[in-house]
Amino acid sequence: MYIYPDNLKSKATLWLWELRDIGIIGIGCLISVFALSRLGWLPPIVLTAVYAFLSIRFEDVSILDFIRYAVAFFFGKQQTYEWRA
């Protein structure tokens, strides 16, 4: 089911992914099936599944974006606090 965005400046989505991510996942699946059937090599399927999981979007924020924000908040950027009386 194609969901037309409410905000015309937002990106189009299909189920839980942006259309660009659907294309990348589809191409990754084709390469993964070829690698598994011809070479017996499993890592491409694992990488495609990890990318598919990390690119799931809820309300314009993907799981990968959330992980980036959390790492930046807890480890990357210094937190400053101002005490006012």
PDB file of N, CA and C in Angstrom:
ATOM      1  N   MET A   1       0.828  -1.163   0.000  1.00  0.00           N
ATOM      2  CA  MET A   1       0.000   0.000   0.000  1.00  0.00           C
ATOM      3  C   MET A   1       0.882   1.239   0.000  1.00  0.00           C
ATOM      4  N   TYR A   2       0.689   2.097  -0.936  1.00  0.00           N
ATOM      5  CA  TYR A   2       1.454   3.335  -1.055  1.00  0.00           C
ATOM      6  C   TYR A   2       0.779   4.407  -0.214  1.00  0.00           C
ATOM      7  N   ILE A   3       1.539   5.025   0.672  1.00  0.00           N
ATOM      8  CA  ILE A   3       0.999   6.069   1.532  1.00  0.00           C
ATOM      9  C   ILE A   3       1.525   7.402   1.053  1.00  0.00           C
ATOM     10  N   TYR A   4       0.630   8.257   0.587  1.00  0.00           N
ATOM     11  CA  TYR A   4       1.039   9.577   0.125  1.00  0.00           C
ATOM     12  C   TYR A   4       1.282  10.451   1.347  1.00  0.00           C
ATOM     13  N   PRO A   5       2.394  11.169   1.375  1.00  0.00           N
ATOM     14  CA  PRO A   5       2.718  11.928   2.588  1.00  0.00           C
ATOM     15  C   PRO A   5       1.729  13.066   2.843  1.00  0.00           C
ATOM     16  N   ASP A   6       1.434  13.296   4.110  1.00  0.00           N
ATOM     17  CA  ASP A   6       0.562  14.409   4.491  1.00  0.00           C
ATOM     18  C   ASP A   6       1.235  15.736   4.180  1.00  0.00           C
ATOM     19  N   ASN A   7       2.503  15.813   4.480  1.00  0.00           N
ATOM     20  CA  ASN A   7       3.280  16.999   4.168  1.00  0.00           C
ATOM     21  C   ASN A   7       3.934  16.770   2.809  1.00  0.00           C
ATOM     22  N   LEU A   8       3.675  17.612   1.844  1.00  0.00           N
ATOM     23  CA  LEU A   8       4.167  17.381   0.487  1.00  0.00           C
ATOM     24  C   LEU A   8       5.680  17.476   0.372  1.00  0.00           C
ATOM     25  N   LYS A   9       6.352  18.011   1.381  1.00  0.00           N
ATOM     26  CA  LYS A   9       7.811  18.082   1.345  1.00  0.00           C
ATOM     27  C   LYS A   9       8.456  16.850   1.957  1.00  0.00           C
ATOM     28  N   SER A  10       7.688  15.990   2.608  1.00  0.00           N
ATOM     29  CA  SER A  10       8.259  14.779   3.191  1.00  0.00           C
ATOM     30  C   SER A  10       8.417  13.716   2.101  1.00  0.00           C
ATOM     31  N   LYS A  11       9.231  12.721   2.399  1.00  0.00           N
ATOM     32  CA  LYS A  11       9.520  11.678   1.416  1.00  0.00           C
ATOM     33  C   LYS A  11       8.408  10.635   1.403  1.00  0.00           C
ATOM     34  N   ALA A  12       8.185  10.050   0.237  1.00  0.00           N
ATOM     35  CA  ALA A  12       7.153   9.020   0.090  1.00  0.00           C
ATOM     36  C   ALA A  12       7.603   7.740   0.776  1.00  0.00           C
ATOM     37  N   THR A  13       6.648   7.051   1.396  1.00  0.00           N
ATOM     38  CA  THR A  13       6.960   5.819   2.104  1.00  0.00           C
ATOM     39  C   THR A  13       6.111   4.674   1.585  1.00  0.00           C
ATOM     40  N   LEU A  14       6.612   3.476   1.760  1.00  0.00           N
ATOM     41  CA  LEU A  14       5.893   2.253   1.432  1.00  0.00           C
ATOM     42  C   LEU A  14       6.030   1.347   2.640  1.00  0.00           C
ATOM     43  N   TRP A  15       4.927   1.073   3.318  1.00  0.00           N
ATOM     44  CA  TRP A  15       4.894   0.358   4.582  1.00  0.00           C
ATOM     45  C   TRP A  15       5.748   1.086   5.613  1.00  0.00           C
ATOM     46  N   LEU A  16       6.873   0.530   6.018  1.00  0.00           N
ATOM     47  CA  LEU A  16       7.687   1.155   7.063  1.00  0.00           C
ATOM     48  C   LEU A  16       8.977   1.764   6.534  1.00  0.00           C
ATOM     49  N   TRP A  17       9.174   1.766   5.216  1.00  0.00           N
ATOM     50  CA  TRP A  17      10.419   2.247   4.633  1.00  0.00           C
ATOM     51  C   TRP A  17      10.157   3.347   3.617  1.00  0.00           C
ATOM     52  N   GLU A  18      11.189   4.170   3.365  1.00  0.00           N
ATOM     53  CA  GLU A  18      11.119   5.109   2.246  1.00  0.00           C
ATOM     54  C   GLU A  18      11.304   4.324   0.962  1.00  0.00           C
ATOM     55  N   LEU A  19      10.864   4.879  -0.135  1.00  0.00           N
ATOM     56  CA  LEU A  19      10.956   4.163  -1.414  1.00  0.00           C
ATOM     57  C   LEU A  19      12.408   3.884  -1.796  1.00  0.00           C
ATOM     58  N   ARG A  20      13.318   4.787  -1.465  1.00  0.00           N
ATOM     59  CA  ARG A  20      14.734   4.567  -1.744  1.00  0.00           C
ATOM     60  C   ARG A  20      15.239   3.340  -0.983  1.00  0.00           C
ATOM     61  N   ASP A  21      14.819   3.193   0.273  1.00  0.00           N
ATOM     62  CA  ASP A  21      15.238   2.044   1.073  1.00  0.00           C
ATOM     63  C   ASP A  21      14.662   0.743   0.530  1.00  0.00           C
ATOM     64  N   ILE A  22      13.437   0.786   0.019  1.00  0.00           N
ATOM     65  CA  ILE A  22      12.839  -0.416  -0.589  1.00  0.00           C
ATOM     66  C   ILE A  22      13.686  -0.866  -1.777  1.00  0.00           C
ATOM     67  N   GLY A  23      14.133   0.079  -2.600  1.00  0.00           N
ATOM     68  CA  GLY A  23      14.984  -0.271  -3.741  1.00  0.00           C
ATOM     69  C   GLY A  23      16.302  -0.882  -3.312  1.00  0.00           C
ATOM     70  N   ILE A  24      16.936  -0.288  -2.298  1.00  0.00           N
ATOM     71  CA  ILE A  24      18.214  -0.816  -1.809  1.00  0.00           C
ATOM     72  C   ILE A  24      18.030  -2.206  -1.220  1.00  0.00           C
ATOM     73  N   ILE A  25      16.955  -2.398  -0.460  1.00  0.00           N
ATOM     74  CA  ILE A  25      16.692  -3.715   0.128  1.00  0.00           C
ATOM     75  C   ILE A  25      16.412  -4.742  -0.960  1.00  0.00           C
ATOM     76  N   GLY A  26      15.663  -4.370  -1.993  1.00  0.00           N
ATOM     77  CA  GLY A  26      15.383  -5.290  -3.098  1.00  0.00           C
ATOM     78  C   GLY A  26      16.633  -5.712  -3.842  1.00  0.00           C
ATOM     79  N   ILE A  27      17.485  -4.747  -4.169  1.00  0.00           N
ATOM     80  CA  ILE A  27      18.746  -5.070  -4.853  1.00  0.00           C
ATOM     81  C   ILE A  27      19.644  -5.903  -3.947  1.00  0.00           C
ATOM     82  N   GLY A  28      19.662  -5.558  -2.654  1.00  0.00           N
ATOM     83  CA  GLY A  28      20.446  -6.340  -1.694  1.00  0.00           C
ATOM     84  C   GLY A  28      19.961  -7.774  -1.597  1.00  0.00           C
ATOM     85  N   CYS A  29      18.641  -7.966  -1.651  1.00  0.00           N
ATOM     86  CA  CYS A  29      18.096  -9.330  -1.618  1.00  0.00           C
ATOM     87  C   CYS A  29      18.487 -10.129  -2.852  1.00  0.00           C
ATOM     88  N   LEU A  30      18.451  -9.478  -4.021  1.00  0.00           N
ATOM     89  CA  LEU A  30      18.864 -10.180  -5.246  1.00  0.00           C
ATOM     90  C   LEU A  30      20.328 -10.600  -5.177  1.00  0.00           C
ATOM     91  N   ILE A  31      21.183  -9.683  -4.761  1.00  0.00           N
ATOM     92  CA  ILE A  31      22.610 -10.006  -4.639  1.00  0.00           C
ATOM     93  C   ILE A  31      22.818 -11.084  -3.580  1.00  0.00           C
ATOM     94  N   SER A  32      22.062 -11.006  -2.476  1.00  0.00           N
ATOM     95  CA  SER A  32      22.204 -11.985  -1.400  1.00  0.00           C
ATOM     96  C   SER A  32      21.790 -13.385  -1.847  1.00  0.00           C
ATOM     97  N   VAL A  33      20.690 -13.470  -2.576  1.00  0.00           N
ATOM     98  CA  VAL A  33      20.245 -14.787  -3.062  1.00  0.00           C
ATOM     99  C   VAL A  33      21.251 -15.363  -4.044  1.00  0.00           C
ATOM    100  N   PHE A  34      21.794 -14.522  -4.924  1.00  0.00           N
ATOM    101  CA  PHE A  34      22.823 -14.993  -5.852  1.00  0.00           C
ATOM    102  C   PHE A  34      24.063 -15.472  -5.093  1.00  0.00           C
ATOM    103  N   ALA A  35      24.510 -14.695  -4.120  1.00  0.00           N
ATOM    104  CA  ALA A  35      25.705 -15.065  -3.362  1.00  0.00           C
ATOM    105  C   ALA A  35      25.485 -16.358  -2.582  1.00  0.00           C
ATOM    106  N   LEU A  36      24.288 -16.547  -2.036  1.00  0.00           N
ATOM    107  CA  LEU A  36      24.020 -17.760  -1.281  1.00  0.00           C
ATOM    108  C   LEU A  36      23.895 -18.976  -2.185  1.00  0.00           C
ATOM    109  N   SER A  37      23.217 -18.815  -3.328  1.00  0.00           N
ATOM    110  CA  SER A  37      22.995 -19.977  -4.193  1.00  0.00           C
ATOM    111  C   SER A  37      24.251 -20.381  -4.953  1.00  0.00           C
ATOM    112  N   ARG A  38      25.020 -19.412  -5.427  1.00  0.00           N
ATOM    113  CA  ARG A  38      26.194 -19.743  -6.231  1.00  0.00           C
ATOM    114  C   ARG A  38      27.463 -19.941  -5.402  1.00  0.00           C
ATOM    115  N   LEU A  39      27.643 -19.123  -4.384  1.00  0.00           N
ATOM    116  CA  LEU A  39      28.884 -19.153  -3.626  1.00  0.00           C
ATOM    117  C   LEU A  39      28.735 -19.793  -2.247  1.00  0.00           C
ATOM    118  N   GLY A  40      27.496 -19.947  -1.810  1.00  0.00           N
ATOM    119  CA  GLY A  40      27.265 -20.477  -0.473  1.00  0.00           C
ATOM    120  C   GLY A  40      27.706 -19.507   0.616  1.00  0.00           C
ATOM    121  N   TRP A  41      27.606 -18.216   0.331  1.00  0.00           N
ATOM    122  CA  TRP A  41      28.123 -17.167   1.210  1.00  0.00           C
ATOM    123  C   TRP A  41      26.962 -16.457   1.889  1.00  0.00           C
ATOM    124  N   LEU A  42      26.913 -16.440   3.209  1.00  0.00           N
ATOM    125  CA  LEU A  42      25.790 -15.923   3.978  1.00  0.00           C
ATOM    126  C   LEU A  42      25.862 -14.440   4.354  1.00  0.00           C
ATOM    127  N   PRO A  43      27.031 -13.803   4.466  1.00  0.00           N
ATOM    128  CA  PRO A  43      27.077 -12.408   4.950  1.00  0.00           C
ATOM    129  C   PRO A  43      26.224 -11.387   4.186  1.00  0.00           C
ATOM    130  N   PRO A  44      26.048 -11.474   2.860  1.00  0.00           N
ATOM    131  CA  PRO A  44      25.182 -10.478   2.210  1.00  0.00           C
ATOM    132  C   PRO A  44      23.733 -10.497   2.703  1.00  0.00           C
ATOM    133  N   ILE A  45      23.215 -11.677   3.026  1.00  0.00           N
ATOM    134  CA  ILE A  45      21.851 -11.751   3.542  1.00  0.00           C
ATOM    135  C   ILE A  45      21.779 -11.097   4.919  1.00  0.00           C
ATOM    136  N   VAL A  46      22.784 -11.331   5.727  1.00  0.00           N
ATOM    137  CA  VAL A  46      22.812 -10.737   7.065  1.00  0.00           C
ATOM    138  C   VAL A  46      22.896  -9.218   6.960  1.00  0.00           C
ATOM    139  N   LEU A  47      23.762  -8.707   6.090  1.00  0.00           N
ATOM    140  CA  LEU A  47      23.889  -7.256   5.917  1.00  0.00           C
ATOM    141  C   LEU A  47      22.597  -6.627   5.395  1.00  0.00           C
ATOM    142  N   THR A  48      21.938  -7.303   4.468  1.00  0.00           N
ATOM    143  CA  THR A  48      20.672  -6.798   3.941  1.00  0.00           C
ATOM    144  C   THR A  48      19.595  -6.778   5.025  1.00  0.00           C
ATOM    145  N   ALA A  49      19.539  -7.818   5.838  1.00  0.00           N
ATOM    146  CA  ALA A  49      18.554  -7.871   6.926  1.00  0.00           C
ATOM    147  C   ALA A  49      18.827  -6.791   7.970  1.00  0.00           C
ATOM    148  N   VAL A  50      20.089  -6.567   8.289  1.00  0.00           N
ATOM    149  CA  VAL A  50      20.442  -5.515   9.255  1.00  0.00           C
ATOM    150  C   VAL A  50      20.069  -4.146   8.697  1.00  0.00           C
ATOM    151  N   TYR A  51      20.361  -3.901   7.416  1.00  0.00           N
ATOM    152  CA  TYR A  51      19.990  -2.625   6.800  1.00  0.00           C
ATOM    153  C   TYR A  51      18.468  -2.447   6.786  1.00  0.00           C
ATOM    154  N   ALA A  52      17.749  -3.522   6.459  1.00  0.00           N
ATOM    155  CA  ALA A  52      16.286  -3.437   6.433  1.00  0.00           C
ATOM    156  C   ALA A  52      15.744  -3.101   7.821  1.00  0.00           C
ATOM    157  N   PHE A  53      16.328  -3.688   8.861  1.00  0.00           N
ATOM    158  CA  PHE A  53      15.870  -3.396  10.214  1.00  0.00           C
ATOM    159  C   PHE A  53      16.201  -1.963  10.621  1.00  0.00           C
ATOM    160  N   LEU A  54      17.423  -1.517  10.331  1.00  0.00           N
ATOM    161  CA  LEU A  54      17.851  -0.184  10.756  1.00  0.00           C
ATOM    162  C   LEU A  54      17.177   0.936   9.966  1.00  0.00           C
ATOM    163  N   SER A  55      16.648   0.647   8.791  1.00  0.00           N
ATOM    164  CA  SER A  55      16.028   1.693   7.988  1.00  0.00           C
ATOM    165  C   SER A  55      14.510   1.782   8.181  1.00  0.00           C
ATOM    166  N   ILE A  56      13.950   1.003   9.112  1.00  0.00           N
ATOM    167  CA  ILE A  56      12.520   1.111   9.419  1.00  0.00           C
ATOM    168  C   ILE A  56      12.256   2.501   9.969  1.00  0.00           C
ATOM    169  N   ARG A  57      11.208   3.138   9.482  1.00  0.00           N
ATOM    170  CA  ARG A  57      10.891   4.510   9.903  1.00  0.00           C
ATOM    171  C   ARG A  57       9.563   4.563  10.635  1.00  0.00           C
ATOM    172  N   PHE A  58       9.572   5.287  11.760  1.00  0.00           N
ATOM    173  CA  PHE A  58       8.360   5.616  12.501  1.00  0.00           C
ATOM    174  C   PHE A  58       8.332   7.128  12.653  1.00  0.00           C
ATOM    175  N   GLU A  59       7.324   7.754  12.087  1.00  0.00           N
ATOM    176  CA  GLU A  59       7.141   9.199  12.185  1.00  0.00           C
ATOM    177  C   GLU A  59       8.397   9.960  11.752  1.00  0.00           C
ATOM    178  N   ASP A  60       8.923   9.645  10.602  1.00  0.00           N
ATOM    179  CA  ASP A  60      10.073  10.299   9.969  1.00  0.00           C
ATOM    180  C   ASP A  60      11.382  10.153  10.728  1.00  0.00           C
ATOM    181  N   VAL A  61      11.500   9.177  11.605  1.00  0.00           N
ATOM    182  CA  VAL A  61      12.761   8.890  12.285  1.00  0.00           C
ATOM    183  C   VAL A  61      13.022   7.399  12.151  1.00  0.00           C
ATOM    184  N   SER A  62      14.180   7.051  11.577  1.00  0.00           N
ATOM    185  CA  SER A  62      14.516   5.641  11.435  1.00  0.00           C
ATOM    186  C   SER A  62      15.190   5.136  12.708  1.00  0.00           C
ATOM    187  N   ILE A  63      15.294   3.838  12.810  1.00  0.00           N
ATOM    188  CA  ILE A  63      15.943   3.239  13.962  1.00  0.00           C
ATOM    189  C   ILE A  63      17.414   3.646  13.993  1.00  0.00           C
ATOM    190  N   LEU A  64      18.056   3.723  12.826  1.00  0.00           N
ATOM    191  CA  LEU A  64      19.450   4.151  12.762  1.00  0.00           C
ATOM    192  C   LEU A  64      19.598   5.601  13.228  1.00  0.00           C
ATOM    193  N   ASP A  65      18.672   6.480  12.845  1.00  0.00           N
ATOM    194  CA  ASP A  65      18.712   7.863  13.318  1.00  0.00           C
ATOM    195  C   ASP A  65      18.593   7.918  14.839  1.00  0.00           C
ATOM    196  N   PHE A  66      17.691   7.110  15.395  1.00  0.00           N
ATOM    197  CA  PHE A  66      17.515   7.091  16.845  1.00  0.00           C
ATOM    198  C   PHE A  66      18.792   6.639  17.543  1.00  0.00           C
ATOM    199  N   ILE A  67      19.451   5.603  17.003  1.00  0.00           N
ATOM    200  CA  ILE A  67      20.709   5.130  17.595  1.00  0.00           C
ATOM    201  C   ILE A  67      21.773   6.214  17.507  1.00  0.00           C
ATOM    202  N   ARG A  68      21.848   6.914  16.372  1.00  0.00           N
ATOM    203  CA  ARG A  68      22.815   8.016  16.235  1.00  0.00           C
ATOM    204  C   ARG A  68      22.552   9.113  17.258  1.00  0.00           C
ATOM    205  N   TYR A  69      21.278   9.496  17.430  1.00  0.00           N
ATOM    206  CA  TYR A  69      20.932  10.529  18.408  1.00  0.00           C
ATOM    207  C   TYR A  69      21.287  10.087  19.825  1.00  0.00           C
ATOM    208  N   ALA A  70      21.019   8.822  20.142  1.00  0.00           N
ATOM    209  CA  ALA A  70      21.317   8.320  21.485  1.00  0.00           C
ATOM    210  C   ALA A  70      22.823   8.305  21.749  1.00  0.00           C
ATOM    211  N   VAL A  71      23.608   7.862  20.772  1.00  0.00           N
ATOM    212  CA  VAL A  71      25.069   7.851  20.941  1.00  0.00           C
ATOM    213  C   VAL A  71      25.599   9.269  21.078  1.00  0.00           C
ATOM    214  N   ALA A  72      25.095  10.182  20.274  1.00  0.00           N
ATOM    215  CA  ALA A  72      25.526  11.574  20.371  1.00  0.00           C
ATOM    216  C   ALA A  72      25.139  12.171  21.722  1.00  0.00           C
ATOM    217  N   PHE A  73      23.978  11.825  22.232  1.00  0.00           N
ATOM    218  CA  PHE A  73      23.531  12.376  23.508  1.00  0.00           C
ATOM    219  C   PHE A  73      24.354  11.829  24.668  1.00  0.00           C
ATOM    220  N   PHE A  74      24.575  10.511  24.688  1.00  0.00           N
ATOM    221  CA  PHE A  74      25.246   9.908  25.825  1.00  0.00           C
ATOM    222  C   PHE A  74      26.768   9.955  25.740  1.00  0.00           C
ATOM    223  N   PHE A  75      27.333   9.897  24.538  1.00  0.00           N
ATOM    224  CA  PHE A  75      28.781   9.778  24.414  1.00  0.00           C
ATOM    225  C   PHE A  75      29.438  10.891  23.610  1.00  0.00           C
ATOM    226  N   GLY A  76      28.794  11.359  22.563  1.00  0.00           N
ATOM    227  CA  GLY A  76      29.453  12.234  21.606  1.00  0.00           C
ATOM    228  C   GLY A  76      29.546  13.692  21.990  1.00  0.00           C
ATOM    229  N   LYS A  77      28.467  14.278  22.425  1.00  0.00           N
ATOM    230  CA  LYS A  77      28.431  15.711  22.682  1.00  0.00           C
ATOM    231  C   LYS A  77      28.387  15.978  24.178  1.00  0.00           C
ATOM    232  N   GLN A  78      29.085  17.013  24.576  1.00  0.00           N
ATOM    233  CA  GLN A  78      29.087  17.389  25.974  1.00  0.00           C
ATOM    234  C   GLN A  78      27.746  18.022  26.337  1.00  0.00           C
ATOM    235  N   GLN A  79      27.209  17.583  27.441  1.00  0.00           N
ATOM    236  CA  GLN A  79      25.951  18.136  27.916  1.00  0.00           C
ATOM    237  C   GLN A  79      26.251  19.326  28.821  1.00  0.00           C
ATOM    238  N   THR A  80      25.582  20.420  28.613  1.00  0.00           N
ATOM    239  CA  THR A  80      25.772  21.600  29.458  1.00  0.00           C
ATOM    240  C   THR A  80      24.490  21.898  30.210  1.00  0.00           C
ATOM    241  N   TYR A  81      24.662  22.292  31.434  1.00  0.00           N
ATOM    242  CA  TYR A  81      23.526  22.617  32.277  1.00  0.00           C
ATOM    243  C   TYR A  81      23.753  24.006  32.857  1.00  0.00           C
ATOM    244  N   GLU A  82      22.722  24.808  32.845  1.00  0.00           N
ATOM    245  CA  GLU A  82      22.795  26.147  33.401  1.00  0.00           C
ATOM    246  C   GLU A  82      21.905  26.222  34.633  1.00  0.00           C
ATOM    247  N   TRP A  83      22.505  26.634  35.740  1.00  0.00           N
ATOM    248  CA  TRP A  83      21.754  26.798  36.980  1.00  0.00           C
ATOM    249  C   TRP A  83      21.403  28.261  37.124  1.00  0.00           C
ATOM    250  N   ARG A  84      20.154  28.519  37.201  1.00  0.00           N
ATOM    251  CA  ARG A  84      19.696  29.909  37.369  1.00  0.00           C
ATOM    252  C   ARG A  84      18.929  30.026  38.681  1.00  0.00           C
ATOM    253  N   ALA A  85      19.160  31.134  39.340  1.00  0.00           N
ATOM    254  CA  ALA A  85      18.477  31.332  40.621  1.00  0.00           C
ATOM    255  C   ALA A  85      17.304  32.273  40.484  1.00  0.00           C
TER     256      ALA A  85
END
